[in-house]
């Protein structure tokens, strides 16, 4: 523990969280513009659930970085007692530590719930898909409440890695969070892969002429929509926490902001109509169009043998940004809100 004292750990934590909060501000602004802005001069209906989640994540992130700054100022400037800044920061049951711990749990629980909801949406509202992740999320909520209780009542001069009882529940929490994220991320990546396979059958002409762009678009979709970045940071937090190192303060603070950043990026893709469910809607619309053409052709021919021709020019798929522009009459112009 002496290799990374609590004083240095808290300063590094403030720096890492400040960097993360800067990213959070940038993505939050774009997220608000996406949710509240106009589309081709027509004002879109506001998706209130997504807006409320984004605002909640931003408020928690802003509050947490403010608490970190206050904690540093108190320890290094205002505290005049024995032991200096280290003694001030060592008191685990300090109200700032309790509130920061609560913020961390609240932020990740909100982000995890949003990720489960996201998984439910792209799987066509199939409840069976999210049963196991939801059970893990409930268990996570219970464990987080117990950890906050022990942190608030420990009344000892120690850091989190040194407080065995509280740290045991913190490790259990981050382990459950990682398991839940691996499940939802894996399910989302699998869904992206299957939708890509379906779409490549109906938009093969566009893919063949824009292979490199599709590769980049596919990577972006996997990284952003599966929340892989968030899952990676959760894994790093898990490793550091089990190493019983004070660096857990910095990584966990950064995780608070990354949770909000990741969700903002998902909202931006959904709001712009370039998310996986919009591609799935496009594929289903194309399939419906082909079936209608086939049935109409057979009916007009009076049962005679006809050759159905699909017209890929009617549907233009822009691979650069994965956006779909439906030009065929009778098809759904705008994808449904998520």
C-alpha atoms as a PDB file:
ATOM      1  CA  UNK A   1       0.000   0.000   0.000  1.00  0.00           C
ATOM      2  CA  UNK A   2       2.866   2.369   0.769  1.00  0.00           C
ATOM      3  CA  UNK A   3       3.917   2.250  -2.880  1.00  0.00           C
ATOM      4  CA  UNK A   4       0.849   4.340  -3.710  1.00  0.00           C
ATOM      5  CA  UNK A   5      -0.173   6.411  -0.678  1.00  0.00           C
ATOM      6  CA  UNK A   6      -3.707   7.689  -0.282  1.00  0.00           C
ATOM      7  CA  UNK A   7      -2.675  11.325  -0.829  1.00  0.00           C
ATOM      8  CA  UNK A   8      -1.246  10.617  -4.269  1.00  0.00           C
ATOM      9  CA  UNK A   9      -4.111   8.261  -5.086  1.00  0.00           C
ATOM     10  CA  UNK A  10      -6.744  10.936  -4.394  1.00  0.00           C
ATOM     11  CA  UNK A  11      -4.927  13.565  -6.485  1.00  0.00           C
ATOM     12  CA  UNK A  12      -4.617  11.128  -9.392  1.00  0.00           C
ATOM     13  CA  UNK A  13      -8.278  10.213  -8.894  1.00  0.00           C
ATOM     14  CA  UNK A  14      -9.327  13.856  -9.221  1.00  0.00           C
ATOM     15  CA  UNK A  15      -7.265  14.230 -12.401  1.00  0.00           C
ATOM     16  CA  UNK A  16      -8.663  11.066 -14.005  1.00  0.00           C
ATOM     17  CA  UNK A  17     -12.226  11.979 -13.122  1.00  0.00           C
ATOM     18  CA  UNK A  18     -11.743  15.518 -14.452  1.00  0.00           C
ATOM     19  CA  UNK A  19     -10.565  14.135 -17.797  1.00  0.00           C
ATOM     20  CA  UNK A  20     -13.529  11.776 -17.876  1.00  0.00           C
ATOM     21  CA  UNK A  21     -15.917  14.573 -16.944  1.00  0.00           C
ATOM     22  CA  UNK A  22     -14.578  16.683 -19.815  1.00  0.00           C
ATOM     23  CA  UNK A  23     -15.444  13.866 -22.205  1.00  0.00           C
ATOM     24  CA  UNK A  24     -18.817  13.512 -20.498  1.00  0.00           C
ATOM     25  CA  UNK A  25     -19.615  17.205 -21.040  1.00  0.00           C
ATOM     26  CA  UNK A  26     -18.787  16.954 -24.755  1.00  0.00           C
ATOM     27  CA  UNK A  27     -20.873  13.835 -25.364  1.00  0.00           C
ATOM     28  CA  UNK A  28     -23.724  15.127 -23.193  1.00  0.00           C
ATOM     29  CA  UNK A  29     -24.025  18.310 -25.298  1.00  0.00           C
ATOM     30  CA  UNK A  30     -24.174  16.298 -28.527  1.00  0.00           C
ATOM     31  CA  UNK A  31     -26.627  13.906 -26.863  1.00  0.00           C
ATOM     32  CA  UNK A  32     -28.967  16.779 -25.954  1.00  0.00           C
ATOM     33  CA  UNK A  33     -28.754  18.188 -29.484  1.00  0.00           C
ATOM     34  CA  UNK A  34     -29.638  14.771 -30.851  1.00  0.00           C
ATOM     35  CA  UNK A  35     -32.615  14.280 -28.536  1.00  0.00           C
ATOM     36  CA  UNK A  36     -33.962  17.838 -28.645  1.00  0.00           C
ATOM     37  CA  UNK A  37     -32.915  19.000 -32.125  1.00  0.00           C
ATOM     38  CA  UNK A  38     -34.839  19.071 -35.374  1.00  0.00           C
ATOM     39  CA  UNK A  39     -34.626  16.487 -38.130  1.00  0.00           C
ATOM     40  CA  UNK A  40     -34.848  17.978 -41.657  1.00  0.00           C
ATOM     41  CA  UNK A  41     -36.756  20.944 -40.323  1.00  0.00           C
ATOM     42  CA  UNK A  42     -39.294  18.754 -38.512  1.00  0.00           C
ATOM     43  CA  UNK A  43     -39.210  18.725 -34.726  1.00  0.00           C
ATOM     44  CA  UNK A  44     -38.867  15.199 -33.401  1.00  0.00           C
ATOM     45  CA  UNK A  45     -40.881  13.958 -30.420  1.00  0.00           C
ATOM     46  CA  UNK A  46     -38.761  13.929 -27.286  1.00  0.00           C
ATOM     47  CA  UNK A  47     -37.791  10.508 -26.020  1.00  0.00           C
ATOM     48  CA  UNK A  48     -38.267  11.278 -22.334  1.00  0.00           C
ATOM     49  CA  UNK A  49     -36.885   8.010 -20.866  1.00  0.00           C
ATOM     50  CA  UNK A  50     -33.581   8.413 -22.717  1.00  0.00           C
ATOM     51  CA  UNK A  51     -33.422  12.123 -21.891  1.00  0.00           C
ATOM     52  CA  UNK A  52     -34.021  11.508 -18.179  1.00  0.00           C
ATOM     53  CA  UNK A  53     -31.358   8.795 -18.040  1.00  0.00           C
ATOM     54  CA  UNK A  54     -28.795  10.992 -19.803  1.00  0.00           C
ATOM     55  CA  UNK A  55     -29.502  13.931 -17.481  1.00  0.00           C
ATOM     56  CA  UNK A  56     -29.346  11.693 -14.396  1.00  0.00           C
ATOM     57  CA  UNK A  57     -25.974  10.271 -15.414  1.00  0.00           C
ATOM     58  CA  UNK A  58     -24.611  13.759 -16.061  1.00  0.00           C
ATOM     59  CA  UNK A  59     -25.847  15.123 -12.724  1.00  0.00           C
ATOM     60  CA  UNK A  60     -24.298  12.225 -10.800  1.00  0.00           C
ATOM     61  CA  UNK A  61     -21.035  12.630 -12.724  1.00  0.00           C
ATOM     62  CA  UNK A  62     -20.899  16.384 -12.052  1.00  0.00           C
ATOM     63  CA  UNK A  63     -21.734  15.910  -8.374  1.00  0.00           C
ATOM     64  CA  UNK A  64     -19.054  13.259  -7.961  1.00  0.00           C
ATOM     65  CA  UNK A  65     -16.251  15.354  -9.474  1.00  0.00           C
ATOM     66  CA  UNK A  66     -17.344  18.279  -7.272  1.00  0.00           C
ATOM     67  CA  UNK A  67     -17.098  16.035  -4.202  1.00  0.00           C
ATOM     68  CA  UNK A  68     -13.617  14.928  -5.267  1.00  0.00           C
ATOM     69  CA  UNK A  69     -12.463  18.535  -5.554  1.00  0.00           C
ATOM     70  CA  UNK A  70     -13.989  19.403  -2.179  1.00  0.00           C
ATOM     71  CA  UNK A  71     -12.295  16.394  -0.572  1.00  0.00           C
ATOM     72  CA  UNK A  72      -8.879  17.463  -1.897  1.00  0.00           C
ATOM     73  CA  UNK A  73      -9.337  21.075  -0.773  1.00  0.00           C
ATOM     74  CA  UNK A  74     -10.356  20.004   2.738  1.00  0.00           C
ATOM     75  CA  UNK A  75      -7.466  17.545   3.083  1.00  0.00           C
ATOM     76  CA  UNK A  76      -4.653  19.679   1.660  1.00  0.00           C
ATOM     77  CA  UNK A  77      -5.791  23.212   2.530  1.00  0.00           C
ATOM     78  CA  UNK A  78      -8.365  23.346   5.327  1.00  0.00           C
ATOM     79  CA  UNK A  79      -7.395  20.415   7.547  1.00  0.00           C
ATOM     80  CA  UNK A  80      -4.891  21.468  10.235  1.00  0.00           C
ATOM     81  CA  UNK A  81      -5.020  18.411  12.509  1.00  0.00           C
ATOM     82  CA  UNK A  82      -2.350  15.803  13.210  1.00  0.00           C
ATOM     83  CA  UNK A  83      -1.237  13.548  10.388  1.00  0.00           C
ATOM     84  CA  UNK A  84      -1.852  16.118   7.671  1.00  0.00           C
ATOM     85  CA  UNK A  85      -3.740  15.354   4.464  1.00  0.00           C
ATOM     86  CA  UNK A  86      -3.190  11.603   4.789  1.00  0.00           C
ATOM     87  CA  UNK A  87      -5.035  11.504   8.121  1.00  0.00           C
ATOM     88  CA  UNK A  88      -7.961  13.425   6.639  1.00  0.00           C
ATOM     89  CA  UNK A  89      -8.209  11.175   3.584  1.00  0.00           C
ATOM     90  CA  UNK A  90      -7.752   7.959   5.590  1.00  0.00           C
ATOM     91  CA  UNK A  91     -11.077   8.276   7.404  1.00  0.00           C
ATOM     92  CA  UNK A  92     -13.226   5.923   5.321  1.00  0.00           C
ATOM     93  CA  UNK A  93     -16.516   6.851   7.019  1.00  0.00           C
ATOM     94  CA  UNK A  94     -16.119  10.515   6.152  1.00  0.00           C
ATOM     95  CA  UNK A  95     -19.387  11.693   4.595  1.00  0.00           C
ATOM     96  CA  UNK A  96     -17.570  12.562   1.354  1.00  0.00           C
ATOM     97  CA  UNK A  97     -16.359   8.972   0.979  1.00  0.00           C
ATOM     98  CA  UNK A  98     -19.841   7.651   1.722  1.00  0.00           C
ATOM     99  CA  UNK A  99     -21.456   9.915  -0.857  1.00  0.00           C
ATOM    100  CA  UNK A 100     -18.777   9.169  -3.470  1.00  0.00           C
ATOM    101  CA  UNK A 101     -19.299   5.462  -2.924  1.00  0.00           C
ATOM    102  CA  UNK A 102     -23.051   5.959  -3.357  1.00  0.00           C
ATOM    103  CA  UNK A 103     -22.446   7.972  -6.535  1.00  0.00           C
ATOM    104  CA  UNK A 104     -20.284   5.236  -7.976  1.00  0.00           C
ATOM    105  CA  UNK A 105     -22.921   2.595  -7.333  1.00  0.00           C
ATOM    106  CA  UNK A 106     -25.801   4.770  -8.555  1.00  0.00           C
ATOM    107  CA  UNK A 107     -23.994   5.683 -11.775  1.00  0.00           C
ATOM    108  CA  UNK A 108     -23.046   2.138 -12.688  1.00  0.00           C
ATOM    109  CA  UNK A 109     -26.457   0.750 -11.736  1.00  0.00           C
ATOM    110  CA  UNK A 110     -28.195   3.309 -13.959  1.00  0.00           C
ATOM    111  CA  UNK A 111     -25.795   2.586 -16.821  1.00  0.00           C
ATOM    112  CA  UNK A 112     -26.190  -1.177 -16.392  1.00  0.00           C
ATOM    113  CA  UNK A 113     -29.984  -0.881 -16.338  1.00  0.00           C
ATOM    114  CA  UNK A 114     -29.823   1.208 -19.515  1.00  0.00           C
ATOM    115  CA  UNK A 115     -27.615  -1.420 -21.136  1.00  0.00           C
ATOM    116  CA  UNK A 116     -30.077  -4.165 -20.209  1.00  0.00           C
ATOM    117  CA  UNK A 117     -32.882  -2.043 -21.668  1.00  0.00           C
ATOM    118  CA  UNK A 118     -30.791  -1.572 -24.806  1.00  0.00           C
ATOM    119  CA  UNK A 119     -30.342  -5.325 -25.101  1.00  0.00           C
ATOM    120  CA  UNK A 120     -34.104  -5.796 -24.691  1.00  0.00           C
ATOM    121  CA  UNK A 121     -34.811  -3.292 -27.471  1.00  0.00           C
ATOM    122  CA  UNK A 122     -32.474  -4.694 -30.115  1.00  0.00           C
ATOM    123  CA  UNK A 123     -33.788  -8.207 -29.460  1.00  0.00           C
ATOM    124  CA  UNK A 124     -37.312  -7.094 -30.305  1.00  0.00           C
ATOM    125  CA  UNK A 125     -38.582  -6.687 -26.728  1.00  0.00           C
ATOM    126  CA  UNK A 126     -37.978 -10.346 -25.853  1.00  0.00           C
ATOM    127  CA  UNK A 127     -38.080 -10.617 -22.062  1.00  0.00           C
ATOM    128  CA  UNK A 128     -36.390 -14.012 -21.933  1.00  0.00           C
ATOM    129  CA  UNK A 129     -33.174 -12.465 -23.237  1.00  0.00           C
ATOM    130  CA  UNK A 130     -32.723 -10.163 -20.242  1.00  0.00           C
ATOM    131  CA  UNK A 131     -33.902 -12.390 -17.375  1.00  0.00           C
ATOM    132  CA  UNK A 132     -30.419 -13.437 -16.228  1.00  0.00           C
ATOM    133  CA  UNK A 133     -28.805  -9.967 -16.589  1.00  0.00           C
ATOM    134  CA  UNK A 134     -31.737  -8.495 -14.656  1.00  0.00           C
ATOM    135  CA  UNK A 135     -31.293 -10.972 -11.800  1.00  0.00           C
ATOM    136  CA  UNK A 136     -27.600 -10.084 -11.572  1.00  0.00           C
ATOM    137  CA  UNK A 137     -28.520  -6.379 -11.591  1.00  0.00           C
ATOM    138  CA  UNK A 138     -30.898  -6.864  -8.635  1.00  0.00           C
ATOM    139  CA  UNK A 139     -28.187  -8.743  -6.731  1.00  0.00           C
ATOM    140  CA  UNK A 140     -25.780  -5.905  -7.536  1.00  0.00           C
ATOM    141  CA  UNK A 141     -28.218  -3.388  -6.071  1.00  0.00           C
ATOM    142  CA  UNK A 142     -28.478  -5.321  -2.805  1.00  0.00           C
ATOM    143  CA  UNK A 143     -24.698  -5.710  -2.503  1.00  0.00           C
ATOM    144  CA  UNK A 144     -24.145  -1.993  -3.149  1.00  0.00           C
ATOM    145  CA  UNK A 145     -26.568  -1.057  -0.362  1.00  0.00           C
ATOM    146  CA  UNK A 146     -24.712  -3.302   2.100  1.00  0.00           C
ATOM    147  CA  UNK A 147     -21.339  -1.844   1.069  1.00  0.00           C
ATOM    148  CA  UNK A 148     -22.544   1.721   1.603  1.00  0.00           C
ATOM    149  CA  UNK A 149     -23.860   0.726   5.038  1.00  0.00           C
ATOM    150  CA  UNK A 150     -20.503  -0.704   6.132  1.00  0.00           C
ATOM    151  CA  UNK A 151     -18.619   2.267   4.689  1.00  0.00           C
ATOM    152  CA  UNK A 152     -20.815   4.681   6.635  1.00  0.00           C
ATOM    153  CA  UNK A 153     -20.626   2.795   9.946  1.00  0.00           C
ATOM    154  CA  UNK A 154     -17.041   1.535   9.986  1.00  0.00           C
ATOM    155  CA  UNK A 155     -15.708   4.552  11.897  1.00  0.00           C
ATOM    156  CA  UNK A 156     -12.087   3.572  11.334  1.00  0.00           C
ATOM    157  CA  UNK A 157      -9.023   5.309   9.962  1.00  0.00           C
ATOM    158  CA  UNK A 158      -8.397   3.215   6.879  1.00  0.00           C
ATOM    159  CA  UNK A 159      -8.714   3.327   3.123  1.00  0.00           C
ATOM    160  CA  UNK A 160     -11.179   1.163   1.223  1.00  0.00           C
ATOM    161  CA  UNK A 161      -8.643  -1.576   0.337  1.00  0.00           C
ATOM    162  CA  UNK A 162      -7.724  -1.812   4.044  1.00  0.00           C
ATOM    163  CA  UNK A 163     -11.343  -2.015   5.246  1.00  0.00           C
ATOM    164  CA  UNK A 164     -11.844  -5.738   4.734  1.00  0.00           C
ATOM    165  CA  UNK A 165     -15.588  -5.989   5.342  1.00  0.00           C
ATOM    166  CA  UNK A 166     -16.554  -3.002   3.184  1.00  0.00           C
ATOM    167  CA  UNK A 167     -14.013  -3.925   0.516  1.00  0.00           C
ATOM    168  CA  UNK A 168     -15.357  -7.486   0.338  1.00  0.00           C
ATOM    169  CA  UNK A 169     -18.763  -6.155  -0.697  1.00  0.00           C
ATOM    170  CA  UNK A 170     -17.136  -3.663  -3.069  1.00  0.00           C
ATOM    171  CA  UNK A 171     -15.314  -6.550  -4.751  1.00  0.00           C
ATOM    172  CA  UNK A 172     -18.529  -8.567  -4.903  1.00  0.00           C
ATOM    173  CA  UNK A 173     -20.291  -5.597  -6.474  1.00  0.00           C
ATOM    174  CA  UNK A 174     -17.712  -4.970  -9.192  1.00  0.00           C
ATOM    175  CA  UNK A 175     -17.558  -8.728  -9.911  1.00  0.00           C
ATOM    176  CA  UNK A 176     -21.324  -8.902 -10.428  1.00  0.00           C
ATOM    177  CA  UNK A 177     -21.182  -5.737 -12.525  1.00  0.00           C
ATOM    178  CA  UNK A 178     -18.530  -7.280 -14.748  1.00  0.00           C
ATOM    179  CA  UNK A 179     -20.496 -10.527 -15.148  1.00  0.00           C
ATOM    180  CA  UNK A 180     -23.651  -8.606 -16.030  1.00  0.00           C
ATOM    181  CA  UNK A 181     -21.768  -6.441 -18.550  1.00  0.00           C
ATOM    182  CA  UNK A 182     -20.125  -9.446 -20.191  1.00  0.00           C
ATOM    183  CA  UNK A 183     -23.561 -11.019 -20.666  1.00  0.00           C
ATOM    184  CA  UNK A 184     -25.240  -7.928 -22.106  1.00  0.00           C
ATOM    185  CA  UNK A 185     -22.224  -6.926 -24.202  1.00  0.00           C
ATOM    186  CA  UNK A 186     -21.958 -10.445 -25.606  1.00  0.00           C
ATOM    187  CA  UNK A 187     -25.670 -10.538 -26.425  1.00  0.00           C
ATOM    188  CA  UNK A 188     -25.514  -7.155 -28.150  1.00  0.00           C
ATOM    189  CA  UNK A 189     -22.412  -8.069 -30.179  1.00  0.00           C
ATOM    190  CA  UNK A 190     -24.107 -11.287 -31.300  1.00  0.00           C
ATOM    191  CA  UNK A 191     -27.192  -9.324 -32.327  1.00  0.00           C
ATOM    192  CA  UNK A 192     -25.080  -6.829 -34.277  1.00  0.00           C
ATOM    193  CA  UNK A 193     -23.398  -9.709 -36.075  1.00  0.00           C
ATOM    194  CA  UNK A 194     -26.681 -11.395 -37.013  1.00  0.00           C
ATOM    195  CA  UNK A 195     -28.237  -8.119 -38.201  1.00  0.00           C
ATOM    196  CA  UNK A 196     -25.142  -7.459 -40.298  1.00  0.00           C
ATOM    197  CA  UNK A 197     -25.472 -10.891 -41.886  1.00  0.00           C
ATOM    198  CA  UNK A 198     -29.119 -10.225 -42.713  1.00  0.00           C
ATOM    199  CA  UNK A 199     -28.452  -6.750 -44.070  1.00  0.00           C
ATOM    200  CA  UNK A 200     -25.573  -7.911 -46.263  1.00  0.00           C
ATOM    201  CA  UNK A 201     -27.998 -10.195 -48.114  1.00  0.00           C
ATOM    202  CA  UNK A 202     -30.312  -7.307 -49.034  1.00  0.00           C
ATOM    203  CA  UNK A 203     -27.778  -4.550 -49.561  1.00  0.00           C
ATOM    204  CA  UNK A 204     -24.991  -6.567 -51.149  1.00  0.00           C
ATOM    205  CA  UNK A 205     -24.499  -4.073 -53.950  1.00  0.00           C
ATOM    206  CA  UNK A 206     -23.721  -1.237 -51.548  1.00  0.00           C
ATOM    207  CA  UNK A 207     -21.440  -3.431 -49.459  1.00  0.00           C
ATOM    208  CA  UNK A 208     -19.479  -4.644 -52.432  1.00  0.00           C
ATOM    209  CA  UNK A 209     -18.642  -1.095 -53.481  1.00  0.00           C
ATOM    210  CA  UNK A 210     -17.874   0.180 -50.012  1.00  0.00           C
ATOM    211  CA  UNK A 211     -16.148  -2.728 -48.292  1.00  0.00           C
ATOM    212  CA  UNK A 212     -13.593  -0.652 -46.388  1.00  0.00           C
ATOM    213  CA  UNK A 213     -16.211   1.771 -45.126  1.00  0.00           C
ATOM    214  CA  UNK A 214     -18.400  -1.061 -43.946  1.00  0.00           C
ATOM    215  CA  UNK A 215     -15.494  -2.470 -41.967  1.00  0.00           C
ATOM    216  CA  UNK A 216     -15.034   0.809 -40.109  1.00  0.00           C
ATOM    217  CA  UNK A 217     -18.784   1.225 -39.625  1.00  0.00           C
ATOM    218  CA  UNK A 218     -19.081  -2.288 -38.255  1.00  0.00           C
ATOM    219  CA  UNK A 219     -16.235  -1.684 -35.792  1.00  0.00           C
ATOM    220  CA  UNK A 220     -17.848   1.565 -34.626  1.00  0.00           C
ATOM    221  CA  UNK A 221     -21.183  -0.165 -34.151  1.00  0.00           C
ATOM    222  CA  UNK A 222     -19.647  -2.963 -32.090  1.00  0.00           C
ATOM    223  CA  UNK A 223     -17.532  -0.657 -29.914  1.00  0.00           C
ATOM    224  CA  UNK A 224     -20.276   1.897 -29.246  1.00  0.00           C
ATOM    225  CA  UNK A 225     -23.535  -0.032 -29.189  1.00  0.00           C
ATOM    226  CA  UNK A 226     -22.216  -2.961 -27.165  1.00  0.00           C
ATOM    227  CA  UNK A 227     -20.767  -0.594 -24.520  1.00  0.00           C
ATOM    228  CA  UNK A 228     -17.463  -2.423 -24.860  1.00  0.00           C
ATOM    229  CA  UNK A 229     -15.455   0.570 -23.628  1.00  0.00           C
ATOM    230  CA  UNK A 230     -17.516   0.674 -20.443  1.00  0.00           C
ATOM    231  CA  UNK A 231     -17.099  -3.078 -19.947  1.00  0.00           C
ATOM    232  CA  UNK A 232     -13.315  -2.780 -20.368  1.00  0.00           C
ATOM    233  CA  UNK A 233     -13.115  -0.070 -17.689  1.00  0.00           C
ATOM    234  CA  UNK A 234     -15.264  -2.244 -15.393  1.00  0.00           C
ATOM    235  CA  UNK A 235     -12.777  -5.084 -15.902  1.00  0.00           C
ATOM    236  CA  UNK A 236      -9.818  -2.814 -15.085  1.00  0.00           C
ATOM    237  CA  UNK A 237     -11.611  -1.682 -11.926  1.00  0.00           C
ATOM    238  CA  UNK A 238     -12.182  -5.327 -10.997  1.00  0.00           C
ATOM    239  CA  UNK A 239      -8.491  -6.195 -11.406  1.00  0.00           C
ATOM    240  CA  UNK A 240      -7.296  -3.171  -9.436  1.00  0.00           C
ATOM    241  CA  UNK A 241      -9.828  -3.749  -6.663  1.00  0.00           C
ATOM    242  CA  UNK A 242      -8.772  -7.358  -6.130  1.00  0.00           C
ATOM    243  CA  UNK A 243      -5.145  -6.204  -6.076  1.00  0.00           C
ATOM    244  CA  UNK A 244      -6.047  -4.206  -2.930  1.00  0.00           C
ATOM    245  CA  UNK A 245      -4.378  -1.097  -4.320  1.00  0.00           C
ATOM    246  CA  UNK A 246      -5.225   2.551  -3.728  1.00  0.00           C
ATOM    247  CA  UNK A 247      -5.322   3.055  -7.492  1.00  0.00           C
ATOM    248  CA  UNK A 248      -8.898   1.774  -7.243  1.00  0.00           C
ATOM    249  CA  UNK A 249      -9.884   5.343  -6.321  1.00  0.00           C
ATOM    250  CA  UNK A 250      -8.749   6.709  -9.677  1.00  0.00           C
ATOM    251  CA  UNK A 251     -10.138   3.904 -11.804  1.00  0.00           C
ATOM    252  CA  UNK A 252     -13.520   3.852 -10.057  1.00  0.00           C
ATOM    253  CA  UNK A 253     -13.836   7.645 -10.361  1.00  0.00           C
ATOM    254  CA  UNK A 254     -13.054   7.407 -14.074  1.00  0.00           C
ATOM    255  CA  UNK A 255     -15.679   4.664 -14.367  1.00  0.00           C
ATOM    256  CA  UNK A 256     -18.334   7.063 -13.041  1.00  0.00           C
ATOM    257  CA  UNK A 257     -17.772   9.363 -16.029  1.00  0.00           C
ATOM    258  CA  UNK A 258     -17.264   6.643 -18.637  1.00  0.00           C
ATOM    259  CA  UNK A 259     -20.659   5.185 -17.717  1.00  0.00           C
ATOM    260  CA  UNK A 260     -22.285   8.468 -18.757  1.00  0.00           C
ATOM    261  CA  UNK A 261     -20.096   8.881 -21.850  1.00  0.00           C
ATOM    262  CA  UNK A 262     -20.955   5.407 -23.109  1.00  0.00           C
ATOM    263  CA  UNK A 263     -24.685   5.925 -22.714  1.00  0.00           C
ATOM    264  CA  UNK A 264     -24.499   9.316 -24.450  1.00  0.00           C
ATOM    265  CA  UNK A 265     -22.799   7.693 -27.443  1.00  0.00           C
ATOM    266  CA  UNK A 266     -25.534   5.064 -27.662  1.00  0.00           C
ATOM    267  CA  UNK A 267     -28.251   7.739 -27.506  1.00  0.00           C
ATOM    268  CA  UNK A 268     -26.515   9.708 -30.272  1.00  0.00           C
ATOM    269  CA  UNK A 269     -26.578   6.686 -32.587  1.00  0.00           C
ATOM    270  CA  UNK A 270     -30.199   5.903 -31.743  1.00  0.00           C
ATOM    271  CA  UNK A 271     -31.251   9.522 -32.207  1.00  0.00           C
ATOM    272  CA  UNK A 272     -29.513   9.759 -35.573  1.00  0.00           C
ATOM    273  CA  UNK A 273     -31.247   6.601 -36.785  1.00  0.00           C
ATOM    274  CA  UNK A 274     -28.023   4.649 -37.359  1.00  0.00           C
ATOM    275  CA  UNK A 275     -28.295   2.114 -34.547  1.00  0.00           C
ATOM    276  CA  UNK A 276     -28.647  -1.640 -34.971  1.00  0.00           C
ATOM    277  CA  UNK A 277     -32.415  -1.680 -34.494  1.00  0.00           C
ATOM    278  CA  UNK A 278     -32.787   0.833 -37.340  1.00  0.00           C
ATOM    279  CA  UNK A 279     -30.781  -1.414 -39.641  1.00  0.00           C
ATOM    280  CA  UNK A 280     -32.984  -4.324 -38.542  1.00  0.00           C
ATOM    281  CA  UNK A 281     -36.087  -2.251 -39.342  1.00  0.00           C
ATOM    282  CA  UNK A 282     -34.637  -1.479 -42.765  1.00  0.00           C
ATOM    283  CA  UNK A 283     -33.985  -5.139 -43.490  1.00  0.00           C
ATOM    284  CA  UNK A 284     -37.515  -6.082 -42.433  1.00  0.00           C
ATOM    285  CA  UNK A 285     -38.929  -3.292 -44.615  1.00  0.00           C
ATOM    286  CA  UNK A 286     -36.913  -4.531 -47.583  1.00  0.00           C
ATOM    287  CA  UNK A 287     -38.121  -8.075 -46.986  1.00  0.00           C
ATOM    288  CA  UNK A 288     -41.719  -6.830 -46.811  1.00  0.00           C
ATOM    289  CA  UNK A 289     -41.274  -4.862 -50.040  1.00  0.00           C
ATOM    290  CA  UNK A 290     -39.936  -7.909 -51.847  1.00  0.00           C
ATOM    291  CA  UNK A 291     -42.838 -10.048 -50.616  1.00  0.00           C
ATOM    292  CA  UNK A 292     -45.377  -7.402 -51.709  1.00  0.00           C
ATOM    293  CA  UNK A 293     -43.784  -7.175 -55.158  1.00  0.00           C
ATOM    294  CA  UNK A 294     -43.808 -10.949 -55.503  1.00  0.00           C
ATOM    295  CA  UNK A 295     -47.457 -11.275 -54.485  1.00  0.00           C
ATOM    296  CA  UNK A 296     -48.498  -8.364 -56.718  1.00  0.00           C
ATOM    297  CA  UNK A 297     -46.613  -9.782 -59.702  1.00  0.00           C
ATOM    298  CA  UNK A 298     -48.156 -13.217 -59.260  1.00  0.00           C
ATOM    299  CA  UNK A 299     -51.654 -11.705 -58.926  1.00  0.00           C
ATOM    300  CA  UNK A 300     -51.291  -9.579 -62.070  1.00  0.00           C
ATOM    301  CA  UNK A 301     -49.921 -12.446 -64.117  1.00  0.00           C
ATOM    302  CA  UNK A 302     -52.955 -14.581 -63.332  1.00  0.00           C
ATOM    303  CA  UNK A 303     -50.781 -17.392 -62.127  1.00  0.00           C
ATOM    304  CA  UNK A 304     -48.446 -17.350 -65.128  1.00  0.00           C
ATOM    305  CA  UNK A 305     -44.722 -17.729 -64.618  1.00  0.00           C
ATOM    306  CA  UNK A 306     -43.079 -14.413 -63.913  1.00  0.00           C
ATOM    307  CA  UNK A 307     -39.664 -13.268 -62.850  1.00  0.00           C
ATOM    308  CA  UNK A 308     -39.585 -10.969 -59.861  1.00  0.00           C
ATOM    309  CA  UNK A 309     -36.982  -8.217 -59.952  1.00  0.00           C
ATOM    310  CA  UNK A 310     -35.865  -6.371 -56.903  1.00  0.00           C
ATOM    311  CA  UNK A 311     -34.615  -2.858 -57.410  1.00  0.00           C
ATOM    312  CA  UNK A 312     -31.736  -2.118 -55.094  1.00  0.00           C
ATOM    313  CA  UNK A 313     -31.692   1.443 -56.388  1.00  0.00           C
ATOM    314  CA  UNK A 314     -34.955   2.062 -54.554  1.00  0.00           C
ATOM    315  CA  UNK A 315     -33.158   1.712 -51.266  1.00  0.00           C
ATOM    316  CA  UNK A 316     -29.876   3.500 -50.749  1.00  0.00           C
ATOM    317  CA  UNK A 317     -27.646   2.360 -47.906  1.00  0.00           C
ATOM    318  CA  UNK A 318     -24.927   4.818 -47.046  1.00  0.00           C
ATOM    319  CA  UNK A 319     -22.159   2.648 -45.651  1.00  0.00           C
ATOM    320  CA  UNK A 320     -20.022   5.556 -44.550  1.00  0.00           C
ATOM    321  CA  UNK A 321     -22.354   6.454 -41.702  1.00  0.00           C
ATOM    322  CA  UNK A 322     -24.613   3.393 -41.709  1.00  0.00           C
ATOM    323  CA  UNK A 323     -27.667   5.577 -42.344  1.00  0.00           C
ATOM    324  CA  UNK A 324     -30.587   4.273 -44.333  1.00  0.00           C
ATOM    325  CA  UNK A 325     -32.677   6.434 -46.634  1.00  0.00           C
ATOM    326  CA  UNK A 326     -35.881   4.728 -47.742  1.00  0.00           C
ATOM    327  CA  UNK A 327     -37.058   5.946 -51.144  1.00  0.00           C
ATOM    328  CA  UNK A 328     -39.711   3.369 -51.930  1.00  0.00           C
ATOM    329  CA  UNK A 329     -43.307   4.483 -51.434  1.00  0.00           C
ATOM    330  CA  UNK A 330     -45.272   2.754 -48.746  1.00  0.00           C
ATOM    331  CA  UNK A 331     -42.267   1.952 -46.560  1.00  0.00           C
ATOM    332  CA  UNK A 332     -41.571   3.335 -43.130  1.00  0.00           C
ATOM    333  CA  UNK A 333     -39.580   6.550 -43.492  1.00  0.00           C
ATOM    334  CA  UNK A 334     -38.491   6.964 -39.895  1.00  0.00           C
ATOM    335  CA  UNK A 335     -37.428   4.205 -37.560  1.00  0.00           C
ATOM    336  CA  UNK A 336     -39.434   3.947 -34.366  1.00  0.00           C
ATOM    337  CA  UNK A 337     -38.156   5.712 -31.300  1.00  0.00           C
ATOM    338  CA  UNK A 338     -36.366   3.587 -28.765  1.00  0.00           C
END
